[in-house]
C-alpha atoms as a PDB file:
ATOM      1  CA  UNK A   1     109.608 134.996   3.700  1.00  0.00           C
ATOM      2  CA  UNK A   2     110.964 136.653   7.037  1.00  0.00           C
ATOM      3  CA  UNK A   3     107.375 137.482   7.909  1.00  0.00           C
ATOM      4  CA  UNK A   4     105.837 133.962   7.571  1.00  0.00           C
ATOM      5  CA  UNK A   5     109.503 132.449   9.967  1.00  0.00           C
ATOM      6  CA  UNK A   6     108.059 134.671  12.800  1.00  0.00           C
ATOM      7  CA  UNK A   7     104.618 133.694  12.684  1.00  0.00           C
ATOM      8  CA  UNK A   8     105.193 130.064  12.793  1.00  0.00           C
ATOM      9  CA  UNK A   9     107.792 131.003  15.224  1.00  0.00           C
ATOM     10  CA  UNK A  10     104.875 132.932  17.290  1.00  0.00           C
ATOM     11  CA  UNK A  11     102.554 129.723  16.963  1.00  0.00           C
ATOM     12  CA  UNK A  12     105.391 127.480  17.934  1.00  0.00           C
ATOM     13  CA  UNK A  13     105.473 129.615  21.324  1.00  0.00           C
ATOM     14  CA  UNK A  14     101.954 129.546  21.593  1.00  0.00           C
ATOM     15  CA  UNK A  15     101.353 126.149  21.183  1.00  0.00           C
ATOM     16  CA  UNK A  16     104.290 125.016  23.862  1.00  0.00           C
ATOM     17  CA  UNK A  17     102.574 127.552  25.831  1.00  0.00           C
ATOM     18  CA  UNK A  18      98.771 125.883  25.565  1.00  0.00           C
ATOM     19  CA  UNK A  19     100.305 122.459  26.195  1.00  0.00           C
ATOM     20  CA  UNK A  20     102.015 123.664  29.689  1.00  0.00           C
ATOM     21  CA  UNK A  21      98.812 124.975  30.732  1.00  0.00           C
ATOM     22  CA  UNK A  22      97.216 121.740  29.550  1.00  0.00           C
ATOM     23  CA  UNK A  23      99.452 119.985  31.672  1.00  0.00           C
ATOM     24  CA  UNK A  24      99.397 121.729  34.618  1.00  0.00           C
ATOM     25  CA  UNK A  25      95.681 121.597  34.817  1.00  0.00           C
ATOM     26  CA  UNK A  26      95.787 117.874  34.190  1.00  0.00           C
ATOM     27  CA  UNK A  27      98.011 117.707  37.298  1.00  0.00           C
ATOM     28  CA  UNK A  28      96.285 119.973  39.521  1.00  0.00           C
ATOM     29  CA  UNK A  29      92.642 117.714  38.240  1.00  0.00           C
ATOM     30  CA  UNK A  30      94.425 114.444  38.760  1.00  0.00           C
ATOM     31  CA  UNK A  31      96.634 114.876  41.866  1.00  0.00           C
ATOM     32  CA  UNK A  32      93.391 114.397  44.084  1.00  0.00           C
ATOM     33  CA  UNK A  33      92.425 111.466  42.472  1.00  0.00           C
ATOM     34  CA  UNK A  34      96.099 109.833  42.344  1.00  0.00           C
ATOM     35  CA  UNK A  35      96.267 110.507  46.030  1.00  0.00           C
ATOM     36  CA  UNK A  36      92.626 108.793  46.814  1.00  0.00           C
ATOM     37  CA  UNK A  37      94.170 105.795  45.098  1.00  0.00           C
ATOM     38  CA  UNK A  38      97.031 106.074  47.662  1.00  0.00           C
ATOM     39  CA  UNK A  39      95.076 106.527  50.281  1.00  0.00           C
ATOM     40  CA  UNK A  40      93.346 102.642  48.819  1.00  0.00           C
ATOM     41  CA  UNK A  41      96.526 101.252  48.655  1.00  0.00           C
ATOM     42  CA  UNK A  42      97.643 101.549  52.365  1.00  0.00           C
ATOM     43  CA  UNK A  43      96.833 100.843  55.963  1.00  0.00           C
ATOM     44  CA  UNK A  44      94.815 102.768  58.117  1.00  0.00           C
ATOM     45  CA  UNK A  45      97.602 104.255  60.512  1.00  0.00           C
ATOM     46  CA  UNK A  46      99.613 105.203  57.398  1.00  0.00           C
ATOM     47  CA  UNK A  47      96.416 107.656  56.388  1.00  0.00           C
ATOM     48  CA  UNK A  48      96.488 109.238  59.779  1.00  0.00           C
ATOM     49  CA  UNK A  49      99.550 109.388  60.440  1.00  0.00           C
ATOM     50  CA  UNK A  50     101.495 112.372  58.900  1.00  0.00           C
ATOM     51  CA  UNK A  51     103.078 112.676  56.302  1.00  0.00           C
ATOM     52  CA  UNK A  52     100.794 110.913  54.053  1.00  0.00           C
ATOM     53  CA  UNK A  53     102.181 108.463  51.581  1.00  0.00           C
ATOM     54  CA  UNK A  54     102.399 109.541  48.050  1.00  0.00           C
ATOM     55  CA  UNK A  55     103.397 106.473  46.250  1.00  0.00           C
ATOM     56  CA  UNK A  56     100.890 103.117  46.095  1.00  0.00           C
ATOM     57  CA  UNK A  57     101.370 100.488  49.377  1.00  0.00           C
ATOM     58  CA  UNK A  58     101.397  96.890  48.986  1.00  0.00           C
ATOM     59  CA  UNK A  59      97.255  96.623  50.462  1.00  0.00           C
ATOM     60  CA  UNK A  60      95.912  97.311  47.427  1.00  0.00           C
ATOM     61  CA  UNK A  61      94.152  93.262  46.601  1.00  0.00           C
ATOM     62  CA  UNK A  62      92.866  93.605  50.554  1.00  0.00           C
ATOM     63  CA  UNK A  63      91.323  96.917  50.745  1.00  0.00           C
ATOM     64  CA  UNK A  64      89.827  96.170  47.110  1.00  0.00           C
ATOM     65  CA  UNK A  65      88.559  93.288  48.445  1.00  0.00           C
ATOM     66  CA  UNK A  66      87.476  94.408  51.486  1.00  0.00           C
ATOM     67  CA  UNK A  67      85.348  97.333  49.981  1.00  0.00           C
ATOM     68  CA  UNK A  68      83.447  94.958  46.988  1.00  0.00           C
ATOM     69  CA  UNK A  69      82.503  91.866  49.028  1.00  0.00           C
ATOM     70  CA  UNK A  70      82.332  93.199  52.585  1.00  0.00           C
ATOM     71  CA  UNK A  71      82.210  97.079  52.314  1.00  0.00           C
ATOM     72  CA  UNK A  72      81.214  98.671  55.268  1.00  0.00           C
ATOM     73  CA  UNK A  73      77.605  98.704  55.842  1.00  0.00           C
ATOM     74  CA  UNK A  74      76.745  97.232  52.285  1.00  0.00           C
ATOM     75  CA  UNK A  75      78.733  95.310  49.929  1.00  0.00           C
ATOM     76  CA  UNK A  76      80.600  97.975  47.192  1.00  0.00           C
ATOM     77  CA  UNK A  77      79.628  95.571  44.495  1.00  0.00           C
ATOM     78  CA  UNK A  78      75.753  95.718  45.134  1.00  0.00           C
ATOM     79  CA  UNK A  79      75.894  99.435  44.999  1.00  0.00           C
ATOM     80  CA  UNK A  80      77.704  99.238  41.481  1.00  0.00           C
ATOM     81  CA  UNK A  81      75.235  97.111  40.416  1.00  0.00           C
ATOM     82  CA  UNK A  82      72.360  99.222  41.573  1.00  0.00           C
ATOM     83  CA  UNK A  83      74.312 102.570  40.601  1.00  0.00           C
ATOM     84  CA  UNK A  84      74.656 100.683  37.080  1.00  0.00           C
ATOM     85  CA  UNK A  85      71.066  99.749  36.361  1.00  0.00           C
ATOM     86  CA  UNK A  86      69.843 102.858  37.403  1.00  0.00           C
ATOM     87  CA  UNK A  87      72.136 104.575  35.246  1.00  0.00           C
ATOM     88  CA  UNK A  88      71.451 102.512  32.082  1.00  0.00           C
ATOM     89  CA  UNK A  89      67.914 103.290  32.878  1.00  0.00           C
ATOM     90  CA  UNK A  90      67.822 106.591  33.037  1.00  0.00           C
ATOM     91  CA  UNK A  91      69.415 106.984  30.092  1.00  0.00           C
ATOM     92  CA  UNK A  92      68.019 104.396  27.753  1.00  0.00           C
ATOM     93  CA  UNK A  93      64.810 105.727  28.759  1.00  0.00           C
ATOM     94  CA  UNK A  94      65.109 109.399  28.213  1.00  0.00           C
ATOM     95  CA  UNK A  95      66.818 108.675  24.823  1.00  0.00           C
ATOM     96  CA  UNK A  96      63.602 106.301  23.893  1.00  0.00           C
ATOM     97  CA  UNK A  97      61.154 108.997  24.982  1.00  0.00           C
ATOM     98  CA  UNK A  98      62.892 111.921  23.983  1.00  0.00           C
ATOM     99  CA  UNK A  99      63.330 110.389  20.506  1.00  0.00           C
ATOM    100  CA  UNK A 100      59.538 109.570  20.229  1.00  0.00           C
ATOM    101  CA  UNK A 101      58.257 112.723  21.477  1.00  0.00           C
ATOM    102  CA  UNK A 102      61.064 114.937  18.958  1.00  0.00           C
ATOM    103  CA  UNK A 103      59.341 112.321  16.160  1.00  0.00           C
ATOM    104  CA  UNK A 104      55.752 112.993  17.066  1.00  0.00           C
ATOM    105  CA  UNK A 105      56.537 116.917  17.111  1.00  0.00           C
ATOM    106  CA  UNK A 106      58.197 117.154  14.026  1.00  0.00           C
ATOM    107  CA  UNK A 107      56.617 114.975  11.799  1.00  0.00           C
ATOM    108  CA  UNK A 108      53.039 115.138  12.644  1.00  0.00           C
ATOM    109  CA  UNK A 109      50.784 117.281  12.317  1.00  0.00           C
ATOM    110  CA  UNK A 110      48.027 117.831  15.180  1.00  0.00           C
ATOM    111  CA  UNK A 111      46.395 120.610  16.804  1.00  0.00           C
ATOM    112  CA  UNK A 112      48.789 122.282  19.943  1.00  0.00           C
ATOM    113  CA  UNK A 113      51.576 120.487  18.458  1.00  0.00           C
ATOM    114  CA  UNK A 114      53.941 123.705  19.148  1.00  0.00           C
ATOM    115  CA  UNK A 115      51.928 124.229  22.567  1.00  0.00           C
ATOM    116  CA  UNK A 116      53.003 120.959  23.667  1.00  0.00           C
ATOM    117  CA  UNK A 117      56.313 121.106  22.657  1.00  0.00           C
ATOM    118  CA  UNK A 118      56.857 124.303  24.935  1.00  0.00           C
ATOM    119  CA  UNK A 119      54.997 122.546  27.260  1.00  0.00           C
ATOM    120  CA  UNK A 120      57.678 119.655  27.778  1.00  0.00           C
ATOM    121  CA  UNK A 121      60.355 122.629  27.372  1.00  0.00           C
ATOM    122  CA  UNK A 122      59.176 124.555  30.234  1.00  0.00           C
ATOM    123  CA  UNK A 123      60.375 121.397  32.263  1.00  0.00           C
ATOM    124  CA  UNK A 124      63.531 122.596  32.220  1.00  0.00           C
ATOM    125  CA  UNK A 125      62.791 124.901  35.110  1.00  0.00           C
ATOM    126  CA  UNK A 126      60.884 122.555  37.263  1.00  0.00           C
ATOM    127  CA  UNK A 127      64.195 119.519  37.906  1.00  0.00           C
ATOM    128  CA  UNK A 128      63.120 116.624  40.392  1.00  0.00           C
ATOM    129  CA  UNK A 129      64.283 118.525  43.124  1.00  0.00           C
ATOM    130  CA  UNK A 130      61.284 121.135  43.018  1.00  0.00           C
ATOM    131  CA  UNK A 131      59.141 118.541  42.102  1.00  0.00           C
ATOM    132  CA  UNK A 132      59.897 116.060  45.005  1.00  0.00           C
ATOM    133  CA  UNK A 133      57.541 116.043  47.186  1.00  0.00           C
ATOM    134  CA  UNK A 134      54.860 114.933  44.742  1.00  0.00           C
ATOM    135  CA  UNK A 135      57.003 112.750  42.809  1.00  0.00           C
ATOM    136  CA  UNK A 136      57.678 110.651  46.050  1.00  0.00           C
ATOM    137  CA  UNK A 137      54.110 110.654  46.957  1.00  0.00           C
ATOM    138  CA  UNK A 138      52.825 109.270  43.591  1.00  0.00           C
ATOM    139  CA  UNK A 139      55.896 106.621  43.867  1.00  0.00           C
ATOM    140  CA  UNK A 140      54.986 105.647  47.480  1.00  0.00           C
ATOM    141  CA  UNK A 141      51.570 105.130  46.231  1.00  0.00           C
ATOM    142  CA  UNK A 142      52.537 102.751  43.304  1.00  0.00           C
ATOM    143  CA  UNK A 143      54.036 100.803  45.559  1.00  0.00           C
ATOM    144  CA  UNK A 144      57.624 101.737  43.590  1.00  0.00           C
ATOM    145  CA  UNK A 145      59.748 102.312  46.961  1.00  0.00           C
ATOM    146  CA  UNK A 146      63.353 100.533  47.156  1.00  0.00           C
ATOM    147  CA  UNK A 147      62.786  99.581  43.650  1.00  0.00           C
ATOM    148  CA  UNK A 148      64.479  99.808  40.353  1.00  0.00           C
ATOM    149  CA  UNK A 149      61.163 101.329  38.939  1.00  0.00           C
ATOM    150  CA  UNK A 150      61.323 103.867  41.910  1.00  0.00           C
ATOM    151  CA  UNK A 151      64.667 104.905  40.868  1.00  0.00           C
ATOM    152  CA  UNK A 152      64.617 104.953  37.286  1.00  0.00           C
ATOM    153  CA  UNK A 153      60.734 105.989  36.012  1.00  0.00           C
ATOM    154  CA  UNK A 154      60.476 109.498  37.962  1.00  0.00           C
ATOM    155  CA  UNK A 155      63.872 110.256  36.378  1.00  0.00           C
ATOM    156  CA  UNK A 156      63.326 109.366  32.515  1.00  0.00           C
ATOM    157  CA  UNK A 157      61.599 112.752  30.894  1.00  0.00           C
ATOM    158  CA  UNK A 158      63.967 114.851  29.363  1.00  0.00           C
ATOM    159  CA  UNK A 159      63.104 118.385  27.887  1.00  0.00           C
ATOM    160  CA  UNK A 160      66.893 119.130  26.863  1.00  0.00           C
ATOM    161  CA  UNK A 161      66.932 115.354  24.827  1.00  0.00           C
ATOM    162  CA  UNK A 162      63.577 116.266  23.246  1.00  0.00           C
ATOM    163  CA  UNK A 163      65.284 119.041  22.266  1.00  0.00           C
ATOM    164  CA  UNK A 164      68.081 118.599  20.673  1.00  0.00           C
ATOM    165  CA  UNK A 165      66.487 115.720  18.684  1.00  0.00           C
ATOM    166  CA  UNK A 166      63.648 117.842  17.684  1.00  0.00           C
ATOM    167  CA  UNK A 167      66.748 120.492  16.318  1.00  0.00           C
ATOM    168  CA  UNK A 168      67.755 117.771  14.574  1.00  0.00           C
ATOM    169  CA  UNK A 169      65.132 116.231  12.680  1.00  0.00           C
ATOM    170  CA  UNK A 170      64.147 119.645  11.737  1.00  0.00           C
ATOM    171  CA  UNK A 171      67.692 119.353   9.793  1.00  0.00           C
ATOM    172  CA  UNK A 172      66.718 116.427   8.347  1.00  0.00           C
ATOM    173  CA  UNK A 173      65.755 117.003   4.200  1.00  0.00           C
ATOM    174  CA  UNK A 174      61.767 116.451   4.031  1.00  0.00           C
ATOM    175  CA  UNK A 175      62.683 114.521   0.785  1.00  0.00           C
ATOM    176  CA  UNK A 176      63.527 111.713   2.736  1.00  0.00           C
ATOM    177  CA  UNK A 177      59.988 111.613   4.925  1.00  0.00           C
ATOM    178  CA  UNK A 178      58.407 111.868   1.249  1.00  0.00           C
ATOM    179  CA  UNK A 179      60.479 109.124  -0.455  1.00  0.00           C
ATOM    180  CA  UNK A 180      59.527 107.138   2.580  1.00  0.00           C
ATOM    181  CA  UNK A 181      55.679 108.136   2.327  1.00  0.00           C
ATOM    182  CA  UNK A 182      55.739 106.979  -1.731  1.00  0.00           C
ATOM    183  CA  UNK A 183      57.470 103.700  -1.038  1.00  0.00           C
ATOM    184  CA  UNK A 184      54.554 102.675   1.539  1.00  0.00           C
ATOM    185  CA  UNK A 185      56.620 102.714   4.338  1.00  0.00           C
ATOM    186  CA  UNK A 186      54.664 103.633   7.506  1.00  0.00           C
ATOM    187  CA  UNK A 187      56.120 106.753   9.588  1.00  0.00           C
ATOM    188  CA  UNK A 188      57.492 103.908  12.110  1.00  0.00           C
ATOM    189  CA  UNK A 189      59.320 102.669   9.866  1.00  0.00           C
ATOM    190  CA  UNK A 190      60.597 105.552   8.582  1.00  0.00           C
ATOM    191  CA  UNK A 191      61.245 106.523  12.397  1.00  0.00           C
ATOM    192  CA  UNK A 192      63.427 103.061  12.731  1.00  0.00           C
ATOM    193  CA  UNK A 193      64.963 102.725   9.552  1.00  0.00           C
ATOM    194  CA  UNK A 194      65.957 106.128   8.604  1.00  0.00           C
ATOM    195  CA  UNK A 195      65.751 108.837  11.435  1.00  0.00           C
ATOM    196  CA  UNK A 196      67.060 106.681  14.478  1.00  0.00           C
ATOM    197  CA  UNK A 197      70.187 105.430  11.636  1.00  0.00           C
ATOM    198  CA  UNK A 198      71.499 108.944  11.206  1.00  0.00           C
ATOM    199  CA  UNK A 199      70.352 110.358  14.769  1.00  0.00           C
ATOM    200  CA  UNK A 200      73.261 107.460  16.154  1.00  0.00           C
ATOM    201  CA  UNK A 201      75.887 110.096  17.013  1.00  0.00           C
ATOM    202  CA  UNK A 202      73.686 112.386  18.596  1.00  0.00           C
ATOM    203  CA  UNK A 203      72.110 109.161  20.688  1.00  0.00           C
ATOM    204  CA  UNK A 204      75.938 108.460  21.895  1.00  0.00           C
ATOM    205  CA  UNK A 205      76.385 112.386  22.731  1.00  0.00           C
ATOM    206  CA  UNK A 206      73.307 111.948  25.057  1.00  0.00           C
ATOM    207  CA  UNK A 207      74.051 108.781  26.429  1.00  0.00           C
ATOM    208  CA  UNK A 208      77.110 109.639  27.912  1.00  0.00           C
ATOM    209  CA  UNK A 209      75.948 112.845  29.268  1.00  0.00           C
ATOM    210  CA  UNK A 210      72.500 110.986  30.871  1.00  0.00           C
ATOM    211  CA  UNK A 211      74.357 108.195  31.761  1.00  0.00           C
ATOM    212  CA  UNK A 212      76.645 110.190  34.345  1.00  0.00           C
ATOM    213  CA  UNK A 213      73.793 112.686  35.372  1.00  0.00           C
ATOM    214  CA  UNK A 214      71.930 108.896  36.120  1.00  0.00           C
ATOM    215  CA  UNK A 215      75.499 107.449  37.865  1.00  0.00           C
ATOM    216  CA  UNK A 216      75.434 110.808  40.078  1.00  0.00           C
ATOM    217  CA  UNK A 217      71.991 110.939  41.469  1.00  0.00           C
ATOM    218  CA  UNK A 218      72.188 111.485  45.400  1.00  0.00           C
ATOM    219  CA  UNK A 219      68.835 113.620  46.685  1.00  0.00           C
ATOM    220  CA  UNK A 220      66.298 110.910  44.844  1.00  0.00           C
ATOM    221  CA  UNK A 221      67.949 107.793  45.675  1.00  0.00           C
ATOM    222  CA  UNK A 222      68.082 108.990  49.368  1.00  0.00           C
ATOM    223  CA  UNK A 223      64.494 109.749  49.461  1.00  0.00           C
ATOM    224  CA  UNK A 224      62.736 106.468  48.361  1.00  0.00           C
ATOM    225  CA  UNK A 225      65.401 103.716  49.427  1.00  0.00           C
ATOM    226  CA  UNK A 226      65.235 102.140  52.874  1.00  0.00           C
ATOM    227  CA  UNK A 227      66.551  99.355  52.137  1.00  0.00           C
ATOM    228  CA  UNK A 228      70.198  99.286  52.325  1.00  0.00           C
ATOM    229  CA  UNK A 229      70.409  96.693  49.687  1.00  0.00           C
ATOM    230  CA  UNK A 230      69.294  99.057  47.347  1.00  0.00           C
ATOM    231  CA  UNK A 231      71.777 101.862  47.979  1.00  0.00           C
ATOM    232  CA  UNK A 232      73.460 103.602  44.731  1.00  0.00           C
ATOM    233  CA  UNK A 233      77.324 103.780  45.055  1.00  0.00           C
ATOM    234  CA  UNK A 234      77.400 107.737  45.364  1.00  0.00           C
ATOM    235  CA  UNK A 235      74.713 107.038  48.398  1.00  0.00           C
ATOM    236  CA  UNK A 236      77.300 104.828  49.960  1.00  0.00           C
ATOM    237  CA  UNK A 237      80.303 106.873  49.810  1.00  0.00           C
ATOM    238  CA  UNK A 238      78.199 109.024  52.033  1.00  0.00           C
ATOM    239  CA  UNK A 239      77.138 106.657  54.398  1.00  0.00           C
ATOM    240  CA  UNK A 240      80.717 105.189  54.759  1.00  0.00           C
ATOM    241  CA  UNK A 241      81.812 108.381  56.555  1.00  0.00           C
ATOM    242  CA  UNK A 242      81.481 107.701  60.572  1.00  0.00           C
ATOM    243  CA  UNK A 243      79.202 109.723  62.824  1.00  0.00           C
ATOM    244  CA  UNK A 244      80.342 110.547  66.339  1.00  0.00           C
ATOM    245  CA  UNK A 245      83.355 108.692  67.601  1.00  0.00           C
ATOM    246  CA  UNK A 246      83.485 105.987  65.414  1.00  0.00           C
ATOM    247  CA  UNK A 247      86.930 105.780  63.246  1.00  0.00           C
ATOM    248  CA  UNK A 248      86.638 106.147  59.604  1.00  0.00           C
ATOM    249  CA  UNK A 249      87.674 103.313  57.422  1.00  0.00           C
ATOM    250  CA  UNK A 250      89.639 105.413  55.115  1.00  0.00           C
ATOM    251  CA  UNK A 251      91.541 102.855  52.891  1.00  0.00           C
ATOM    252  CA  UNK A 252      88.249 101.185  52.485  1.00  0.00           C
ATOM    253  CA  UNK A 253      86.410 104.662  51.578  1.00  0.00           C
ATOM    254  CA  UNK A 254      88.997 105.494  49.138  1.00  0.00           C
ATOM    255  CA  UNK A 255      88.794 102.445  47.428  1.00  0.00           C
ATOM    256  CA  UNK A 256      84.974 102.658  47.084  1.00  0.00           C
ATOM    257  CA  UNK A 257      85.446 106.251  45.552  1.00  0.00           C
ATOM    258  CA  UNK A 258      87.917 104.577  42.863  1.00  0.00           C
ATOM    259  CA  UNK A 259      85.185 102.246  41.676  1.00  0.00           C
ATOM    260  CA  UNK A 260      82.784 104.419  41.557  1.00  0.00           C
ATOM    261  CA  UNK A 261      84.649 106.910  39.028  1.00  0.00           C
ATOM    262  CA  UNK A 262      85.301 103.374  37.333  1.00  0.00           C
ATOM    263  CA  UNK A 263      82.115 102.924  34.885  1.00  0.00           C
ATOM    264  CA  UNK A 264      81.338 106.408  34.025  1.00  0.00           C
ATOM    265  CA  UNK A 265      85.104 106.828  32.806  1.00  0.00           C
ATOM    266  CA  UNK A 266      84.495 103.541  30.651  1.00  0.00           C
ATOM    267  CA  UNK A 267      81.466 104.772  29.189  1.00  0.00           C
ATOM    268  CA  UNK A 268      83.538 108.279  28.356  1.00  0.00           C
ATOM    269  CA  UNK A 269      86.398 106.200  26.870  1.00  0.00           C
ATOM    270  CA  UNK A 270      84.505 104.000  25.048  1.00  0.00           C
ATOM    271  CA  UNK A 271      82.194 106.319  23.096  1.00  0.00           C
ATOM    272  CA  UNK A 272      84.618 109.064  22.926  1.00  0.00           C
ATOM    273  CA  UNK A 273      84.828 109.340  19.351  1.00  0.00           C
ATOM    274  CA  UNK A 274      80.466 109.109  18.821  1.00  0.00           C
ATOM    275  CA  UNK A 275      80.684 111.669  21.639  1.00  0.00           C
ATOM    276  CA  UNK A 276      82.480 114.413  20.121  1.00  0.00           C
ATOM    277  CA  UNK A 277      81.336 113.886  16.609  1.00  0.00           C
ATOM    278  CA  UNK A 278      77.626 114.447  17.935  1.00  0.00           C
ATOM    279  CA  UNK A 279      79.151 117.651  19.482  1.00  0.00           C
ATOM    280  CA  UNK A 280      80.515 119.000  16.905  1.00  0.00           C
ATOM    281  CA  UNK A 281      79.831 117.401  13.772  1.00  0.00           C
ATOM    282  CA  UNK A 282      78.906 120.772  11.507  1.00  0.00           C
ATOM    283  CA  UNK A 283      76.036 118.972   9.840  1.00  0.00           C
ATOM    284  CA  UNK A 284      74.074 118.868  13.305  1.00  0.00           C
END
């Protein structure tokens, strides 16, 4: 009994120590975000004159209104819409193409099936930065510069998602496919009615990851967009920093940075349960 009591005490001490480290880690991560939020609610002189305040000021509405509807080069509202369309387009496109690709590789028997899968898998070693010049040339030849299609289409193929869906589809019992075949269900009916609903948690987990991937894209949008109205929010933040002797409008820049964090946070929080289940579910 004494031994068990000691184990409980040790477990309690370890639990408190773990929580202490977690709290310290959260504070370290959150403090720069807090400073950015504070800087977005004060005036320019308060930021550039040390010491910088650590509590929010009274310029919240003024700074955020200026960022959303005026900005420095382009209104932040426009850039947020551009980033949202790009991130959702990339996420949905990657998931649809990967689902269909994995379904074809697992459930259809055709010559070179494994070869095609490994060809897809090898593209993991060829990120967009490696093939950016020929990709840009193709997009330019199709007249897709300064367009949403140019921002989205070159990035919607995903070897990682295809591989993950393939691994999951291989765990689905063959009896389900046989039963669907006996009932006269065509392959796409089996795909839509059975395979896709069973992949719901995987789709949710991938959507969160791919949305953040699309939202944080910088190099590709920078390369193919010359019209300021097509700027994404990540590009916009970089372009807000002054060049030469210009003075940075720090309250507006910090307000833009906070606004840029909100959509990914909303996606992660709203899909948190499905995201975690899609990653750790033992049946997957």
